[in-house]
Amino acid sequence: MRKSGILMHISSLPSEYGIGKMGKAAYDFVDFLAESGVKCWQILPLSPTSYGDSPYQSFSVYAGNPYFIDFETLKQEGLLKKSDYQNIKWQDNPNHVNYSRIYANCFKVLKQAYKVYRRDISKKYSNFVEKNKSWLDDYALFMALKFKNDGKPWYEWDKKLAMREPEALKKAADELKKETEFFKFIQYKFFRQWFNLKKYANDKGIEIIGDMPIYVSYDSVEAWASPELFLFDKDGKPIDVAGCPPDDFAPTGQLWGNPLYDWEYHKKTGYKWWTERLKFSSKLYDIVRIDHFRGFESYYAIPYGSETAENGEWRKGPGAELFKAVQKELGALNIIAEDLGFITEDVHEMLREVGYPGMKVLQFAFGEGGKSEHLPHNFGSSNCIAYTGTHDNETLRGWVNSASADTLKYAMAYFNIKKKKDIPKGMIRAAWGSVAEIAVAQMQDFLESDPSCRMNTPSTTGSNWQFRTKETDFTEKLSKKILKLNKMYNR
């Protein structure tokens, strides 16, 4: 079945409280999608963000982001009063998220809700804690220790705690019991709100496309509590870290700094950790987009401590074997493979073997004449997802502003349009008209947003992940325009 999707993270929803939340605005957006004939809502990882505010650098692969918990819902449940959160300055600019303001205030408000709630710990809460104990116990203690240590990464804590000596762990767990319960409460409320929102979307015929990063952050509960999963030395330091080699866009490469997996260990366990992770992600979302999928075929390893990504090397990953092991345990999963970047024939072969749809990005399509695999006439089959751009790309208006004259000339000829300003509309139409199973555009591109609304510029920090919408953006006129597009192209 042909479908269309809109890519917009929860953080970008309208809100008075500095960042998008899983409250009324989220439900209104689902209604907007349904009225527009859009069948998929694509979001970024729901994980808690750490330094740099990126959802791809998280404290946990399982936990949900506390910033998205809706205060109004907690108020309706009798856990908050309006005065607990209304008079706080949450933002300087309604168009951008100010993460430092939210970090400074969000936990204070949630602690107030916890104080009220814990007088009567419910059976539903107990069931949630029991059902999720395989990750929740370690996560709650990790966060309690992190707050006690002024936010420092775990590898800068007292050595006995950093290396998880049993006596030190037991003592910390006893001392921080109230704090660990608070972090469990936050997760309980997050997942209650998330699954209610997801059910509402599903009942309206809308699937959630969620994002699963391939790597975890070094400052994460997984790196602290399960060091055997990674290429660490005996002191818990990475031997090598992840990144991308130099190319035309990044002359010194991209140094991500994430720990690399000990694939020999994972193979010995029958990929148990991956099976559990994908099982969880498949409940959280209807369709799972796996970021940097090519890293399962071969991954780029950079010696720990390097200042650039220039001295790395390619190493073989587990390939299709991992996904066959997962499929044997869980059955067929709805997965999109993010197969962008340096793609070899071996990566294409792995994709063919697992059968997952890859991604085609029209912003990448206009540099090789008519040969680019990202041009709709070269898609080859419907087993792909067509994007005008991803969260790492320019807005379409930004792309038009920055592209070369030759690129724009070719794009205008390809879309059969006369004016440069019409290229964004032409690109959306080309994605929608393609054979791709799903066609996706960022919300910014339907809003015709300028370059300041870009979600992320890779290899930069300081101004990313901040884009926000206003209630007035989601007009009936826009909804009708998107619905017309969906009907025209049978989506």
Protein backbone atom coordinates (compact mmCIF):
# COMPACT_ATOMS: atom_id res chain seq x y z
CA MET A 1 0.00 0.00 0.00
CA ARG A 2 1.37 3.42 -1.01
CA LYS A 3 1.66 5.85 1.90
CA SER A 4 3.03 9.25 2.77
CA GLY A 5 4.69 10.48 5.92
CA ILE A 6 5.69 13.70 7.66
CA LEU A 7 8.97 13.86 9.58
CA MET A 8 8.74 15.98 12.74
CA HIS A 9 10.06 15.16 16.18
CA ILE A 10 8.03 15.47 19.40
CA SER A 11 10.36 18.32 20.43
CA SER A 12 9.10 20.42 17.50
CA LEU A 13 5.42 20.35 18.50
CA PRO A 14 3.83 23.63 19.68
CA SER A 15 4.04 24.17 23.45
CA GLU A 16 4.09 26.92 26.06
CA TYR A 17 6.74 25.01 27.98
CA GLY A 18 9.81 25.39 25.79
CA ILE A 19 9.66 22.05 23.98
CA GLY A 20 7.03 19.83 22.38
CA LYS A 21 5.18 17.46 24.71
CA MET A 22 2.89 14.44 24.49
CA GLY A 23 -0.22 16.44 25.31
CA LYS A 24 -2.97 18.23 23.38
CA ALA A 25 -0.66 19.57 20.63
CA ALA A 26 0.52 16.03 19.88
CA TYR A 27 -3.06 14.77 19.57
CA ASP A 28 -3.95 17.79 17.43
CA PHE A 29 -1.02 16.98 15.13
CA VAL A 30 -2.29 13.40 14.76
CA ASP A 31 -5.69 14.86 13.77
CA PHE A 32 -3.93 17.12 11.25
CA LEU A 33 -2.14 14.12 9.73
CA ALA A 34 -5.37 12.10 9.53
CA GLU A 35 -7.26 14.99 7.88
CA SER A 36 -4.38 15.40 5.42
CA GLY A 37 -4.45 11.73 4.40
CA VAL A 38 -0.95 11.17 5.82
CA LYS A 39 -0.47 7.59 7.05
CA CYS A 40 2.93 7.84 8.79
CA TRP A 41 4.36 10.15 11.45
CA GLN A 42 8.14 9.87 11.55
CA ILE A 43 9.97 10.99 14.68
CA LEU A 44 13.57 10.94 15.97
CA PRO A 45 14.72 8.75 18.89
CA LEU A 46 12.59 9.22 22.03
CA SER A 47 15.64 8.80 24.28
CA PRO A 48 16.79 11.30 26.92
CA THR A 49 19.27 13.76 25.42
CA SER A 50 22.69 14.41 26.95
CA TYR A 51 25.49 16.88 26.17
CA GLY A 52 24.84 18.53 22.79
CA ASP A 53 21.07 17.86 23.02
CA SER A 54 21.20 15.17 20.33
CA PRO A 55 18.67 12.32 20.53
CA TYR A 56 21.44 10.21 18.94
CA GLN A 57 23.69 10.69 22.00
CA SER A 58 21.57 9.41 24.86
CA PHE A 59 21.98 8.18 28.43
CA SER A 60 19.99 5.05 27.56
CA VAL A 61 18.76 3.06 24.55
CA TYR A 62 15.54 2.20 26.42
CA ALA A 63 14.51 5.21 28.52
CA GLY A 64 12.16 7.96 27.31
CA ASN A 65 12.93 11.68 27.33
CA PRO A 66 11.46 13.32 30.49
CA TYR A 67 11.19 16.65 28.61
CA PHE A 68 8.30 15.24 26.56
CA ILE A 69 6.10 14.41 29.58
CA ASP A 70 3.01 16.61 29.41
CA PHE A 71 2.36 18.76 32.50
CA GLU A 72 -1.31 19.33 31.66
CA THR A 73 -1.92 15.56 31.70
CA LEU A 74 -0.23 15.31 35.10
CA LYS A 75 -2.44 18.19 36.28
CA GLN A 76 -5.57 16.31 35.13
CA GLU A 77 -4.34 13.33 37.15
CA GLY A 78 -4.11 15.53 40.25
CA LEU A 79 -0.29 15.36 40.40
CA LEU A 80 0.42 19.01 39.59
CA LYS A 81 -1.17 22.39 40.06
CA LYS A 82 -0.96 24.98 37.28
CA SER A 83 1.21 27.13 39.58
CA ASP A 84 3.83 24.33 39.69
CA TYR A 85 4.85 24.96 36.08
CA GLN A 86 3.07 27.99 34.63
CA ASN A 87 5.20 30.82 36.01
CA ILE A 88 8.57 29.39 34.98
CA LYS A 89 10.41 31.02 32.06
CA TRP A 90 10.71 28.03 29.68
CA GLN A 91 11.88 29.84 26.54
CA ASP A 92 13.54 32.94 25.16
CA ASN A 93 12.28 32.40 21.63
CA PRO A 94 9.09 30.43 20.82
CA ASN A 95 10.70 29.20 17.56
CA HIS A 96 13.66 27.47 19.22
CA VAL A 97 14.15 25.01 22.07
CA ASN A 98 16.36 26.33 24.90
CA TYR A 99 17.63 23.05 26.37
CA SER A 100 19.51 24.62 29.28
CA ARG A 101 16.32 26.30 30.55
CA ILE A 102 14.39 23.03 30.26
CA TYR A 103 17.12 21.03 32.01
CA ALA A 104 17.17 23.55 34.86
CA ASN A 105 13.39 23.41 35.42
CA CYS A 106 11.83 20.21 34.09
CA PHE A 107 13.04 17.88 36.86
CA LYS A 108 11.87 20.32 39.55
CA VAL A 109 8.32 20.14 38.17
CA LEU A 110 8.42 16.35 37.81
CA LYS A 111 9.71 16.03 41.39
CA GLN A 112 6.64 17.92 42.56
CA ALA A 113 4.43 15.42 40.71
CA TYR A 114 6.40 12.54 42.25
CA LYS A 115 5.92 13.91 45.78
CA VAL A 116 2.17 13.82 45.32
CA TYR A 117 2.14 10.47 43.50
CA ARG A 118 4.32 8.42 45.81
CA ARG A 119 1.82 8.68 48.67
CA ASP A 120 -0.10 6.00 46.81
CA ILE A 121 2.20 3.86 44.65
CA SER A 122 -0.19 2.06 42.31
CA LYS A 123 -0.29 -1.50 41.08
CA LYS A 124 0.16 -0.26 37.49
CA TYR A 125 3.39 1.43 38.54
CA SER A 126 4.63 -1.75 40.29
CA ASN A 127 3.80 -3.81 37.20
CA PHE A 128 5.69 -1.36 34.97
CA VAL A 129 8.77 -1.51 37.20
CA GLU A 130 8.69 -5.32 37.30
CA LYS A 131 8.16 -5.67 33.55
CA ASN A 132 11.05 -3.30 32.71
CA LYS A 133 13.50 -4.20 35.47
CA SER A 134 16.05 -5.63 32.98
CA TRP A 135 16.97 -2.02 32.04
CA LEU A 136 15.07 0.24 34.48
CA ASP A 137 16.94 -0.63 37.70
CA ASP A 138 20.35 0.16 36.22
CA TYR A 139 19.04 3.27 34.46
CA ALA A 140 17.43 4.73 37.60
CA LEU A 141 20.59 4.19 39.66
CA PHE A 142 22.75 5.58 36.86
CA MET A 143 20.67 8.78 36.70
CA ALA A 144 20.55 9.14 40.48
CA LEU A 145 24.35 8.85 40.60
CA LYS A 146 24.73 11.25 37.70
CA PHE A 147 22.66 13.92 39.50
CA LYS A 148 24.61 13.29 42.71
CA ASN A 149 27.84 13.82 40.74
CA ASP A 150 26.68 17.16 39.23
CA GLY A 151 26.00 15.61 35.83
CA LYS A 152 29.54 14.30 35.33
CA PRO A 153 29.95 11.28 33.02
CA TRP A 154 30.18 7.92 34.82
CA TYR A 155 33.87 7.49 33.98
CA GLU A 156 34.64 10.57 36.13
CA TRP A 157 32.84 9.21 39.21
CA ASP A 158 34.56 7.59 42.16
CA LYS A 159 36.49 4.64 40.68
CA LYS A 160 34.68 2.00 42.76
CA LEU A 161 31.32 3.18 41.41
CA ALA A 162 32.61 3.73 37.87
CA MET A 163 33.90 0.14 37.82
CA ARG A 164 30.73 -1.14 39.55
CA GLU A 165 32.31 -2.77 42.57
CA PRO A 166 29.43 -4.70 44.25
CA GLU A 167 29.88 -3.17 47.71
CA ALA A 168 29.98 0.40 46.35
CA LEU A 169 26.90 -0.29 44.16
CA LYS A 170 24.90 -1.70 47.08
CA LYS A 171 25.78 1.25 49.29
CA ALA A 172 24.78 3.75 46.53
CA ALA A 173 21.50 1.90 45.88
CA ASP A 174 20.60 2.04 49.60
CA GLU A 175 21.54 5.72 49.97
CA LEU A 176 19.76 6.82 46.77
CA LYS A 177 16.59 4.74 47.06
CA LYS A 178 14.25 7.76 46.94
CA GLU A 179 16.13 9.24 43.95
CA THR A 180 16.08 5.97 41.99
CA GLU A 181 12.33 5.67 42.63
CA PHE A 182 11.90 9.17 41.21
CA PHE A 183 13.61 8.20 37.95
CA LYS A 184 11.48 5.06 37.71
CA PHE A 185 8.37 7.20 38.24
CA ILE A 186 9.47 9.51 35.38
CA GLN A 187 9.80 6.53 33.04
CA TYR A 188 6.42 5.16 34.13
CA LYS A 189 4.73 8.45 33.29
CA PHE A 190 6.65 8.83 30.02
CA PHE A 191 5.63 5.43 28.69
CA ARG A 192 2.00 5.80 29.85
CA GLN A 193 1.75 9.06 27.90
CA TRP A 194 3.64 7.69 24.88
CA PHE A 195 1.58 4.52 24.46
CA ASN A 196 -1.68 6.48 24.88
CA LEU A 197 -0.55 8.84 22.11
CA LYS A 198 0.59 5.95 19.89
CA LYS A 199 -2.76 4.17 20.35
CA TYR A 200 -4.59 7.37 19.38
CA ALA A 201 -2.48 7.64 16.20
CA ASN A 202 -2.92 3.95 15.34
CA ASP A 203 -6.69 4.20 15.87
CA LYS A 204 -6.69 7.04 13.31
CA GLY A 205 -4.85 4.83 10.81
CA ILE A 206 -1.46 6.44 11.37
CA GLU A 207 1.73 4.43 11.91
CA ILE A 208 4.67 5.77 13.90
CA ILE A 209 8.07 5.51 12.22
CA GLY A 210 10.64 5.65 15.02
CA ASP A 211 14.39 5.92 14.92
CA MET A 212 16.93 3.54 16.47
CA PRO A 213 20.54 4.79 16.55
CA ILE A 214 23.08 2.07 15.82
CA TYR A 215 25.49 3.29 18.53
CA VAL A 216 25.14 4.26 22.17
CA SER A 217 26.83 7.16 23.95
CA TYR A 218 29.99 6.54 25.99
CA ASP A 219 28.23 8.33 28.85
CA SER A 220 25.31 5.90 28.91
CA VAL A 221 23.96 3.32 31.32
CA GLU A 222 24.75 0.60 28.76
CA ALA A 223 28.45 1.53 28.65
CA TRP A 224 28.55 1.72 32.46
CA ALA A 225 26.49 -1.36 33.34
CA SER A 226 27.33 -3.68 30.40
CA PRO A 227 30.95 -2.96 29.36
CA GLU A 228 31.25 -6.46 27.88
CA LEU A 229 29.12 -5.25 24.93
CA PHE A 230 31.85 -2.85 23.79
CA LEU A 231 35.50 -2.65 22.79
CA PHE A 232 36.73 -1.36 26.18
CA ASP A 233 40.01 -1.90 27.99
CA LYS A 234 40.19 -3.16 31.59
CA ASP A 235 39.68 0.40 32.92
CA GLY A 236 36.44 0.91 30.99
CA LYS A 237 37.98 3.15 28.32
CA PRO A 238 37.15 2.66 24.62
CA ILE A 239 39.94 1.16 22.52
CA ASP A 240 38.44 2.61 19.33
CA VAL A 241 35.42 4.82 18.65
CA ALA A 242 32.90 5.37 15.85
CA GLY A 243 32.83 7.93 13.07
CA CYS A 244 33.02 8.45 9.31
CA PRO A 245 36.09 8.84 7.09
CA PRO A 246 36.99 12.13 5.38
CA ASP A 247 34.96 13.12 2.31
CA ASP A 248 34.15 16.24 0.28
CA PHE A 249 31.72 17.46 2.98
CA ALA A 250 34.01 16.77 5.97
CA PRO A 251 37.72 16.92 4.98
CA THR A 252 38.87 15.50 8.35
CA GLY A 253 35.97 13.05 8.63
CA GLN A 254 33.33 12.84 11.35
CA LEU A 255 34.48 11.86 14.84
CA TRP A 256 31.31 10.71 16.62
CA GLY A 257 33.16 9.24 19.60
CA ASN A 258 30.65 6.46 20.38
CA PRO A 259 32.04 3.18 21.73
CA LEU A 260 32.24 0.37 19.19
CA TYR A 261 30.65 -3.04 19.76
CA ASP A 262 32.59 -6.18 20.55
CA TRP A 263 30.98 -8.13 17.73
CA GLU A 264 32.70 -11.38 18.75
CA TYR A 265 30.97 -11.19 22.12
CA HIS A 266 27.57 -10.42 20.52
CA LYS A 267 27.96 -13.36 18.15
CA LYS A 268 28.69 -15.74 21.07
CA THR A 269 25.43 -14.69 22.76
CA GLY A 270 23.40 -15.23 19.57
CA TYR A 271 22.92 -11.42 19.39
CA LYS A 272 20.73 -11.51 22.49
CA TRP A 273 21.20 -7.80 23.35
CA TRP A 274 20.22 -6.77 19.81
CA THR A 275 17.20 -9.07 19.84
CA GLU A 276 15.96 -7.49 23.08
CA ARG A 277 16.63 -3.98 21.79
CA LEU A 278 14.75 -4.55 18.52
CA LYS A 279 11.90 -6.25 20.35
CA PHE A 280 11.52 -3.16 22.57
CA SER A 281 11.81 -0.73 19.60
CA SER A 282 9.17 -2.69 17.67
CA LYS A 283 6.71 -2.17 20.53
CA LEU A 284 7.62 1.50 20.84
CA TYR A 285 7.11 2.16 17.11
CA ASP A 286 5.19 0.57 14.24
CA ILE A 287 8.15 0.87 11.86
CA VAL A 288 11.78 1.11 13.04
CA ARG A 289 14.30 3.12 11.04
CA ILE A 290 17.80 1.90 11.92
CA ASP A 291 20.29 4.75 11.71
CA HIS A 292 23.68 4.13 9.99
CA PHE A 293 22.61 0.67 8.83
CA ARG A 294 25.73 0.31 6.71
CA GLY A 295 27.69 0.01 10.01
CA PHE A 296 26.44 -3.56 10.39
CA GLU A 297 28.26 -4.56 7.19
CA SER A 298 31.48 -2.61 7.86
CA TYR A 299 32.17 0.08 10.42
CA TYR A 300 34.79 2.79 10.66
CA ALA A 301 37.03 2.50 13.75
CA ILE A 302 39.09 5.48 14.98
CA PRO A 303 41.70 5.10 17.76
CA TYR A 304 40.34 6.54 21.04
CA GLY A 305 41.86 9.94 21.79
CA SER A 306 42.19 10.98 18.12
CA GLU A 307 41.30 14.59 17.41
CA THR A 308 39.96 13.89 13.92
CA ALA A 309 38.59 10.88 12.02
CA GLU A 310 41.50 10.81 9.55
CA ASN A 311 43.36 7.81 11.00
CA GLY A 312 40.55 5.27 11.15
CA GLU A 313 40.08 1.95 9.38
CA TRP A 314 37.17 -0.08 8.05
CA ARG A 315 36.36 -3.35 9.82
CA LYS A 316 33.83 -6.06 9.05
CA GLY A 317 30.58 -6.06 11.05
CA PRO A 318 28.15 -8.93 11.66
CA GLY A 319 26.26 -8.35 8.41
CA ALA A 320 22.96 -10.09 7.71
CA GLU A 321 23.74 -12.78 10.30
CA LEU A 322 22.58 -10.46 13.11
CA PHE A 323 19.20 -9.78 11.48
CA LYS A 324 18.66 -13.44 10.66
CA ALA A 325 19.24 -14.27 14.33
CA VAL A 326 16.77 -11.54 15.37
CA GLN A 327 14.18 -12.69 12.83
CA LYS A 328 14.47 -16.27 14.07
CA GLU A 329 13.53 -15.06 17.57
CA LEU A 330 11.01 -12.32 16.78
CA GLY A 331 9.67 -13.06 13.29
CA ALA A 332 9.54 -10.46 10.52
CA LEU A 333 9.94 -6.86 11.67
CA ASN A 334 9.01 -3.57 9.97
CA ILE A 335 12.43 -2.00 9.47
CA ILE A 336 13.76 0.83 7.30
CA ALA A 337 17.52 0.69 6.69
CA GLU A 338 19.26 4.08 6.66
CA ASP A 339 21.69 3.16 3.88
CA LEU A 340 23.19 6.60 3.21
CA GLY A 341 26.83 7.65 3.07
CA PHE A 342 29.71 5.55 1.71
CA ILE A 343 27.84 2.54 0.30
CA THR A 344 29.69 -0.41 -1.23
CA GLU A 345 28.44 -3.41 -3.18
CA ASP A 346 28.77 -5.44 0.05
CA VAL A 347 26.27 -3.10 1.75
CA HIS A 348 23.87 -3.49 -1.20
CA GLU A 349 24.27 -7.26 -0.93
CA MET A 350 23.47 -7.20 2.82
CA LEU A 351 20.35 -5.14 2.13
CA ARG A 352 19.22 -7.57 -0.55
CA GLU A 353 19.77 -10.44 1.89
CA VAL A 354 17.67 -8.94 4.70
CA GLY A 355 15.09 -7.43 2.33
CA TYR A 356 14.56 -4.16 4.24
CA PRO A 357 13.71 -1.02 2.25
CA GLY A 358 16.51 1.52 2.00
CA MET A 359 16.31 5.29 1.69
CA LYS A 360 16.37 7.59 -1.33
CA VAL A 361 16.96 11.29 -0.63
CA LEU A 362 16.09 13.71 -3.39
CA GLN A 363 18.43 16.40 -2.05
CA PHE A 364 21.28 14.01 -2.92
CA ALA A 365 19.97 13.33 -6.42
CA PHE A 366 21.31 16.14 -8.58
CA GLY A 367 25.10 15.78 -8.69
CA GLU A 368 25.61 12.95 -11.21
CA GLY A 369 23.47 13.87 -14.19
CA GLY A 370 20.75 11.28 -14.65
CA LYS A 371 22.69 8.44 -12.96
CA SER A 372 22.07 9.08 -9.26
CA GLU A 373 20.27 6.27 -7.42
CA HIS A 374 18.36 9.02 -5.55
CA LEU A 375 16.56 10.18 -8.72
CA PRO A 376 13.05 8.69 -8.90
CA HIS A 377 13.58 7.13 -12.36
CA ASN A 378 16.45 5.04 -10.89
CA PHE A 379 14.66 3.71 -7.79
CA GLY A 380 14.38 0.28 -9.40
CA SER A 381 11.59 -1.01 -7.19
CA SER A 382 8.98 0.16 -4.71
CA ASN A 383 10.97 -1.41 -1.83
CA CYS A 384 12.39 1.92 -0.73
CA ILE A 385 11.38 5.06 1.15
CA ALA A 386 11.65 8.38 -0.71
CA TYR A 387 12.64 11.45 1.32
CA THR A 388 12.88 15.02 0.12
CA GLY A 389 15.42 15.39 2.96
CA THR A 390 16.17 13.95 6.40
CA HIS A 391 16.69 15.64 9.79
CA ASP A 392 20.38 16.06 8.78
CA ASN A 393 19.53 17.95 5.59
CA GLU A 394 18.74 21.56 4.79
CA THR A 395 15.13 22.65 4.58
CA LEU A 396 14.17 22.62 0.90
CA ARG A 397 14.32 26.42 0.80
CA GLY A 398 17.77 26.22 2.39
CA TRP A 399 18.84 23.65 -0.21
CA VAL A 400 17.74 25.94 -3.05
CA ASN A 401 19.70 28.82 -1.46
CA SER A 402 22.92 26.80 -1.15
CA ALA A 403 22.91 24.60 -4.28
CA SER A 404 25.09 25.47 -7.28
CA ALA A 405 23.64 27.10 -10.40
CA ASP A 406 24.19 23.89 -12.41
CA THR A 407 22.41 21.78 -9.79
CA LEU A 408 19.43 24.14 -9.73
CA LYS A 409 19.28 24.25 -13.52
CA TYR A 410 19.18 20.45 -13.68
CA ALA A 411 16.56 20.26 -10.88
CA MET A 412 14.32 22.78 -12.63
CA ALA A 413 14.55 20.84 -15.89
CA TYR A 414 13.89 17.56 -14.07
CA PHE A 415 10.81 18.90 -12.27
CA ASN A 416 9.71 20.81 -15.40
CA ILE A 417 9.42 24.13 -13.57
CA LYS A 418 10.43 27.66 -14.59
CA LYS A 419 11.19 29.36 -11.28
CA LYS A 420 13.80 28.53 -8.64
CA LYS A 421 11.33 29.21 -5.83
CA ASP A 422 9.11 26.36 -7.08
CA ILE A 423 11.82 23.70 -6.68
CA PRO A 424 10.66 22.65 -3.15
CA LYS A 425 7.13 21.94 -4.43
CA GLY A 426 8.56 20.11 -7.41
CA MET A 427 10.75 17.95 -5.19
CA ILE A 428 7.84 17.00 -2.93
CA ARG A 429 5.72 16.11 -5.97
CA ALA A 430 8.55 13.97 -7.39
CA ALA A 431 8.87 12.01 -4.12
CA TRP A 432 5.09 11.54 -3.88
CA GLY A 433 4.85 10.53 -7.54
CA SER A 434 7.67 7.98 -7.30
CA VAL A 435 7.25 4.19 -7.01
CA ALA A 436 8.56 4.29 -3.40
CA GLU A 437 6.40 2.48 -0.87
CA ILE A 438 6.44 5.53 1.45
CA ALA A 439 7.19 9.17 0.55
CA VAL A 440 8.30 11.45 3.40
CA ALA A 441 8.98 15.17 3.74
CA GLN A 442 9.96 17.22 6.76
CA MET A 443 7.22 19.40 8.25
CA GLN A 444 9.51 22.37 7.51
CA ASP A 445 9.15 21.69 3.80
CA PHE A 446 5.37 21.80 3.84
CA LEU A 447 5.66 25.02 5.85
CA GLU A 448 8.21 26.37 3.34
CA SER A 449 10.57 27.13 6.24
CA ASP A 450 13.79 29.06 5.70
CA PRO A 451 17.32 27.70 6.48
CA SER A 452 17.11 28.79 10.16
CA CYS A 453 14.61 25.96 10.69
CA ARG A 454 17.11 23.22 9.85
CA MET A 455 16.94 20.47 12.49
CA ASN A 456 20.59 19.37 12.47
CA THR A 457 23.85 20.18 10.74
CA PRO A 458 26.12 17.13 11.19
CA SER A 459 29.49 17.63 12.91
CA THR A 460 28.37 20.90 14.54
CA THR A 461 27.08 21.67 18.05
CA GLY A 462 25.27 24.55 19.66
CA SER A 463 22.30 25.30 17.42
CA ASN A 464 20.87 21.89 16.51
CA TRP A 465 17.65 20.02 17.45
CA GLN A 466 15.90 23.33 18.21
CA PHE A 467 13.27 23.71 15.47
CA ARG A 468 9.72 24.31 16.72
CA THR A 469 6.29 24.88 15.19
CA LYS A 470 3.40 27.13 16.21
CA GLU A 471 -0.27 26.15 16.51
CA THR A 472 -1.07 28.51 13.65
CA ASP A 473 1.18 26.49 11.29
CA PHE A 474 -1.31 23.63 11.00
CA THR A 475 -3.98 25.31 8.92
CA GLU A 476 -6.96 23.80 7.13
CA LYS A 477 -5.57 25.24 3.89
CA LEU A 478 -2.28 23.33 4.32
CA SER A 479 -4.13 20.15 5.29
CA LYS A 480 -6.24 20.32 2.13
CA LYS A 481 -3.13 20.91 0.02
CA ILE A 482 -1.43 17.79 1.46
CA LEU A 483 -4.62 15.73 1.09
CA LYS A 484 -4.86 16.75 -2.57
CA LEU A 485 -1.25 15.61 -3.09
CA ASN A 486 -1.94 12.26 -1.41
CA LYS A 487 -5.05 11.66 -3.52
CA MET A 488 -3.29 12.67 -6.73
CA TYR A 489 -0.50 10.13 -6.18
CA ASN A 490 -2.62 7.40 -4.55
CA ARG A 491 -1.00 7.74 -1.16
